[in-house]
Protein backbone atom coordinates (compact mmCIF):
# COMPACT_ATOMS: atom_id res chain seq x y z
CA PRO A 1 -36.74 2.28 62.80
CA GLY A 2 -34.59 0.14 60.61
CA PRO A 3 -32.07 0.19 57.80
CA VAL A 4 -32.07 2.86 55.11
CA SER A 5 -32.94 0.26 52.46
CA SER A 6 -33.28 -3.39 53.42
CA LEU A 7 -32.71 -6.05 50.79
CA ASN A 8 -36.42 -6.93 50.96
CA TRP A 9 -37.43 -3.31 50.37
CA CYS A 10 -34.95 -2.99 47.48
CA GLY A 11 -36.44 -6.16 46.00
CA LEU A 12 -39.98 -4.81 46.16
CA VAL A 13 -39.00 -1.43 44.71
CA SER A 14 -36.97 -2.93 41.87
CA GLN A 15 -39.68 -5.49 41.10
CA TYR A 16 -42.21 -2.67 40.69
CA THR A 17 -39.75 -0.37 38.88
CA VAL A 18 -39.03 -2.80 36.04
CA THR A 19 -42.75 -2.95 35.26
CA LYS A 20 -43.11 0.84 34.94
CA ILE A 21 -39.83 2.27 33.61
CA PRO A 22 -37.80 1.27 30.52
CA MET A 23 -34.75 -0.73 31.59
CA GLU A 24 -32.27 1.73 30.05
CA LYS A 25 -33.62 4.49 32.29
CA ILE A 26 -33.44 2.65 35.60
CA VAL A 27 -30.74 3.64 38.07
CA MET A 28 -31.12 2.14 41.55
CA GLY A 29 -29.67 3.94 44.55
CA ILE A 30 -27.48 2.30 47.19
CA PRO A 31 -26.46 4.21 50.32
CA PHE A 32 -22.95 4.36 51.71
CA TYR A 33 -24.30 5.32 55.13
CA GLY A 34 -26.44 3.99 57.93
CA ARG A 35 -28.97 5.22 60.45
CA ALA A 36 -29.01 4.97 64.23
CA TRP A 37 -32.25 4.78 66.19
CA ILE A 38 -32.87 5.18 69.90
CA ASP A 39 -35.43 3.30 71.96
CA ASN A 40 -36.41 6.31 74.06
CA ASN A 41 -36.42 9.99 73.13
CA PRO A 42 -37.31 12.15 76.14
CA ALA A 43 -37.28 15.34 74.02
CA ARG A 44 -40.97 15.99 73.41
CA ALA A 45 -43.95 17.89 74.79
CA TYR A 46 -45.27 16.65 78.15
CA ARG A 47 -48.74 17.02 79.65
CA LEU A 48 -48.75 17.90 83.32
CA ASN A 49 -49.70 14.34 84.35
CA SER A 50 -46.78 13.00 82.24
CA THR A 51 -44.48 15.53 83.92
CA ARG A 52 -45.67 14.28 87.30
CA ASP A 53 -44.84 10.71 86.21
CA VAL A 54 -41.29 11.80 85.28
CA ILE A 55 -40.90 13.54 88.65
CA LYS A 56 -42.14 10.43 90.43
CA LYS A 57 -39.77 8.17 88.48
CA PHE A 58 -36.57 10.25 88.67
CA ARG A 59 -37.15 12.27 91.88
CA PRO A 60 -35.32 15.35 90.57
CA VAL A 61 -34.71 18.56 92.50
CA ILE A 62 -37.27 21.06 91.30
CA LYS A 63 -35.88 24.56 90.75
CA TYR A 64 -37.48 27.77 89.55
CA THR A 65 -36.58 30.31 86.89
CA GLU A 66 -36.40 34.01 87.77
CA ASP A 67 -40.04 34.42 86.89
CA GLY A 68 -41.21 31.37 88.84
CA ILE A 69 -41.40 28.63 86.20
CA PRO A 70 -40.57 25.23 87.73
CA PHE A 71 -38.01 23.02 85.99
CA PHE A 72 -35.78 20.06 86.74
CA THR A 73 -32.89 18.13 85.25
CA TYR A 74 -32.45 14.38 85.23
CA ARG A 75 -30.33 11.78 83.48
CA THR A 76 -31.65 8.87 81.50
CA SER A 77 -30.03 6.44 79.12
CA VAL A 78 -31.09 5.17 75.74
CA ASN A 79 -30.28 2.06 73.75
CA VAL A 80 -29.01 2.89 70.29
CA THR A 81 -29.46 0.46 67.39
CA HIS A 82 -27.31 1.34 64.41
CA TYR A 83 -28.05 -0.13 60.97
CA PHE A 84 -25.40 0.27 58.27
CA GLU A 85 -24.32 -0.94 54.86
CA ASP A 86 -21.17 -3.01 54.38
CA GLN A 87 -19.57 -4.82 51.46
CA ASN A 88 -21.87 -7.84 51.96
CA THR A 89 -25.13 -5.88 51.90
CA ILE A 90 -24.00 -3.82 48.93
CA ALA A 91 -22.95 -6.99 47.07
CA ALA A 92 -26.37 -8.51 47.83
CA LYS A 93 -28.14 -5.45 46.39
CA LEU A 94 -25.92 -5.47 43.32
CA ASN A 95 -26.73 -9.16 42.80
CA LEU A 96 -30.44 -8.49 43.29
CA TYR A 97 -30.48 -5.69 40.72
CA SER A 98 -28.34 -7.69 38.29
CA SER A 99 -30.77 -10.63 38.55
CA ARG A 100 -33.49 -8.24 37.36
CA SER A 101 -31.31 -6.97 34.48
CA ILE A 102 -30.88 -3.61 36.19
CA ASN A 103 -27.36 -2.59 35.21
CA SER A 104 -27.08 0.92 36.67
CA VAL A 105 -26.69 1.98 40.27
CA ALA A 106 -25.85 5.26 41.97
CA PHE A 107 -24.36 5.72 45.41
CA TRP A 108 -24.89 8.29 48.12
CA ARG A 109 -22.24 9.46 48.75
CA ILE A 110 -18.87 8.75 47.16
CA SER A 111 -16.05 8.91 49.74
CA GLN A 112 -18.21 7.44 52.51
CA GLU A 113 -17.66 3.87 51.33
CA GLU A 114 -15.20 1.22 52.35
CA LYS A 115 -12.54 0.73 49.67
CA SER A 116 -13.46 -2.97 49.37
CA ILE A 117 -16.72 -1.91 47.69
CA TRP A 118 -14.82 -1.04 44.51
CA ARG A 119 -13.32 -4.53 44.24
CA ILE A 120 -16.88 -5.90 44.40
CA MET A 121 -18.01 -3.45 41.72
CA ARG A 122 -15.21 -4.52 39.37
CA THR A 123 -16.31 -8.17 39.64
CA LYS A 124 -19.98 -7.34 38.88
CA LYS A 125 -19.43 -6.23 35.26
């Protein structure tokens, strides 16, 4: 779990890229979105002993389907960590690429950005 493209990762990728691809062909991508991660995802397959642990922890009421399959419902909470790009992270990536003489970038996806991004782009010419 982490950001879509950290500055460190972008640095490593661009450092490698300039050694393998002619400069005029390089276009680095910058996302206009983020990613959220949770610390606990209870949606998975459970072995019977793991199911027993869940029953012990949450003490749910066990019910049965029409054909006798036991099931239960319980509530649990998760912590969500949300990484995202903003004008500062995008400016840092633009500066990084510019310092490596990479002059072309592409964004995913136009219309998801903050309008302030375009002011930054105009100053990076």
